[in-house]
Amino acid sequence: MSQARPLDSKDELLKRLRRVEGQVRGVHRMIEEDRDCKEVVQQLSAIRSAVHQTSLLLMRSYASQCLHQSEGQERADLVEELIDMLAKAP
């Protein structure tokens, strides 16, 4: 697996977050328009998946950048911190 450069990761994260923002606005409109509940739930599921994938990208970037630059006890502490973050993620 190749390591993403920080700028590449930042650009990708921002792109994904803009897409999520658009999806949330779309669900807002769907609710205002009294659209079918099944369609709304389907879009909410897509949003949840998109947010999850964005979280994974952020954690992957964090791990590759921070862990790559650390050694010894600092690296062990960062691994524990990353595990704690993953444990809190849905």
C-alpha atoms as a PDB file:
ATOM      1  CA  MET A   1       0.000   0.000   0.000  1.00  0.00           C
ATOM      2  CA  SER A   2       1.441   3.372  -0.923  1.00  0.00           C
ATOM      3  CA  GLN A   3       1.495   6.197   1.570  1.00  0.00           C
ATOM      4  CA  ALA A   4      -0.646   9.185   0.606  1.00  0.00           C
ATOM      5  CA  ARG A   5       0.953  12.589   0.819  1.00  0.00           C
ATOM      6  CA  PRO A   6      -0.708  14.888   3.393  1.00  0.00           C
ATOM      7  CA  LEU A   7      -2.016  17.252   0.697  1.00  0.00           C
ATOM      8  CA  ASP A   8      -3.536  14.348  -1.255  1.00  0.00           C
ATOM      9  CA  SER A   9      -5.295  13.148   1.888  1.00  0.00           C
ATOM     10  CA  LYS A  10      -6.518  16.636   2.771  1.00  0.00           C
ATOM     11  CA  ASP A  11      -7.889  17.215  -0.722  1.00  0.00           C
ATOM     12  CA  GLU A  12      -9.614  13.822  -0.703  1.00  0.00           C
ATOM     13  CA  LEU A  13     -11.080  14.428   2.768  1.00  0.00           C
ATOM     14  CA  LEU A  14     -12.442  17.818   1.739  1.00  0.00           C
ATOM     15  CA  LYS A  15     -13.917  16.352  -1.450  1.00  0.00           C
ATOM     16  CA  ARG A  16     -15.658  13.606   0.513  1.00  0.00           C
ATOM     17  CA  LEU A  17     -16.975  16.068   3.096  1.00  0.00           C
ATOM     18  CA  ARG A  18     -18.415  18.304   0.357  1.00  0.00           C
ATOM     19  CA  ARG A  19     -20.149  15.249  -1.074  1.00  0.00           C
ATOM     20  CA  VAL A  20     -21.600  14.396   2.367  1.00  0.00           C
ATOM     21  CA  GLU A  21     -22.785  18.000   2.757  1.00  0.00           C
ATOM     22  CA  GLY A  22     -24.616  17.696  -0.562  1.00  0.00           C
ATOM     23  CA  GLN A  23     -26.190  14.416   0.491  1.00  0.00           C
ATOM     24  CA  VAL A  24     -27.406  15.944   3.778  1.00  0.00           C
ATOM     25  CA  ARG A  25     -28.910  18.912   1.912  1.00  0.00           C
ATOM     26  CA  GLY A  26     -30.618  16.432  -0.389  1.00  0.00           C
ATOM     27  CA  VAL A  27     -32.170  14.566   2.543  1.00  0.00           C
ATOM     28  CA  HIS A  28     -33.289  17.890   4.004  1.00  0.00           C
ATOM     29  CA  ARG A  29     -35.105  18.662   0.726  1.00  0.00           C
ATOM     30  CA  MET A  30     -36.564  15.152   0.603  1.00  0.00           C
ATOM     31  CA  ILE A  31     -38.077  15.599   4.061  1.00  0.00           C
ATOM     32  CA  GLU A  32     -39.418  19.052   3.185  1.00  0.00           C
ATOM     33  CA  GLU A  33     -41.029  17.525   0.081  1.00  0.00           C
ATOM     34  CA  ASP A  34     -42.551  14.645   2.109  1.00  0.00           C
ATOM     35  CA  ARG A  35     -40.717  12.058   0.020  1.00  0.00           C
ATOM     36  CA  ASP A  36     -41.175   8.360   0.650  1.00  0.00           C
ATOM     37  CA  CYS A  37     -39.655   7.241   3.950  1.00  0.00           C
ATOM     38  CA  LYS A  38     -37.849   4.347   2.262  1.00  0.00           C
ATOM     39  CA  GLU A  39     -36.022   6.771  -0.061  1.00  0.00           C
ATOM     40  CA  VAL A  40     -35.018   8.988   2.878  1.00  0.00           C
ATOM     41  CA  VAL A  41     -33.720   6.034   4.889  1.00  0.00           C
ATOM     42  CA  GLN A  42     -31.768   4.824   1.866  1.00  0.00           C
ATOM     43  CA  GLN A  43     -30.092   8.217   1.534  1.00  0.00           C
ATOM     44  CA  LEU A  44     -29.350   8.371   5.267  1.00  0.00           C
ATOM     45  CA  SER A  45     -27.690   4.977   4.975  1.00  0.00           C
ATOM     46  CA  ALA A  46     -25.571   6.286   2.102  1.00  0.00           C
ATOM     47  CA  ILE A  47     -24.569   9.289   4.235  1.00  0.00           C
ATOM     48  CA  ARG A  48     -23.603   7.044   7.146  1.00  0.00           C
ATOM     49  CA  SER A  49     -21.453   4.941   4.828  1.00  0.00           C
ATOM     50  CA  ALA A  50     -19.809   8.018   3.295  1.00  0.00           C
ATOM     51  CA  VAL A  51     -18.998   9.451   6.744  1.00  0.00           C
ATOM     52  CA  HIS A  52     -17.583   6.089   7.834  1.00  0.00           C
ATOM     53  CA  GLN A  53     -15.342   5.869   4.772  1.00  0.00           C
ATOM     54  CA  THR A  54     -14.185   9.449   5.346  1.00  0.00           C
ATOM     55  CA  SER A  55     -13.348   8.585   8.951  1.00  0.00           C
ATOM     56  CA  LEU A  56     -11.318   5.595   7.799  1.00  0.00           C
ATOM     57  CA  LEU A  57      -9.422   7.749   5.327  1.00  0.00           C
ATOM     58  CA  LEU A  58      -8.628  10.264   8.051  1.00  0.00           C
ATOM     59  CA  MET A  59      -7.477   7.560  10.469  1.00  0.00           C
ATOM     60  CA  ARG A  60      -5.381   5.896   7.760  1.00  0.00           C
ATOM     61  CA  SER A  61      -3.732   9.214   6.957  1.00  0.00           C
ATOM     62  CA  TYR A  62      -3.166   9.907  10.647  1.00  0.00           C
ATOM     63  CA  ALA A  63      -1.642   6.479  11.169  1.00  0.00           C
ATOM     64  CA  SER A  64       0.646   6.607   8.167  1.00  0.00           C
ATOM     65  CA  GLN A  65       1.868  10.149   8.848  1.00  0.00           C
ATOM     66  CA  CYS A  66       2.172  10.127  12.631  1.00  0.00           C
ATOM     67  CA  LEU A  67       3.379   6.572  13.072  1.00  0.00           C
ATOM     68  CA  HIS A  68       5.862   6.892  10.242  1.00  0.00           C
ATOM     69  CA  GLN A  69       7.463   9.885  11.951  1.00  0.00           C
ATOM     70  CA  SER A  70       7.636   8.377  15.444  1.00  0.00           C
ATOM     71  CA  GLU A  71       9.740   5.759  17.223  1.00  0.00           C
ATOM     72  CA  GLY A  72       9.770   3.672  20.393  1.00  0.00           C
ATOM     73  CA  GLN A  73       7.403   4.638  23.185  1.00  0.00           C
ATOM     74  CA  GLU A  74       5.983   7.555  21.202  1.00  0.00           C
ATOM     75  CA  ARG A  75       4.938   5.142  18.448  1.00  0.00           C
ATOM     76  CA  ALA A  76       3.403   2.754  20.999  1.00  0.00           C
ATOM     77  CA  ASP A  77       1.446   5.657  22.512  1.00  0.00           C
ATOM     78  CA  LEU A  78       0.234   6.727  19.070  1.00  0.00           C
ATOM     79  CA  VAL A  79      -0.893   3.166  18.298  1.00  0.00           C
ATOM     80  CA  GLU A  80      -2.900   3.120  21.542  1.00  0.00           C
ATOM     81  CA  GLU A  81      -4.392   6.501  20.689  1.00  0.00           C
ATOM     82  CA  LEU A  82      -5.391   5.255  17.239  1.00  0.00           C
ATOM     83  CA  ILE A  83      -6.971   2.124  18.721  1.00  0.00           C
ATOM     84  CA  ASP A  84      -8.934   4.309  21.141  1.00  0.00           C
ATOM     85  CA  MET A  85     -10.193   6.420  18.221  1.00  0.00           C
ATOM     86  CA  LEU A  86     -11.209   3.317  16.286  1.00  0.00           C
ATOM     87  CA  ALA A  87     -13.010   1.934  19.332  1.00  0.00           C
ATOM     88  CA  LYS A  88     -15.122   5.105  19.566  1.00  0.00           C
ATOM     89  CA  ALA A  89     -16.050   5.016  15.887  1.00  0.00           C
ATOM     90  CA  PRO A  90     -19.412   3.424  15.115  1.00  0.00           C
END
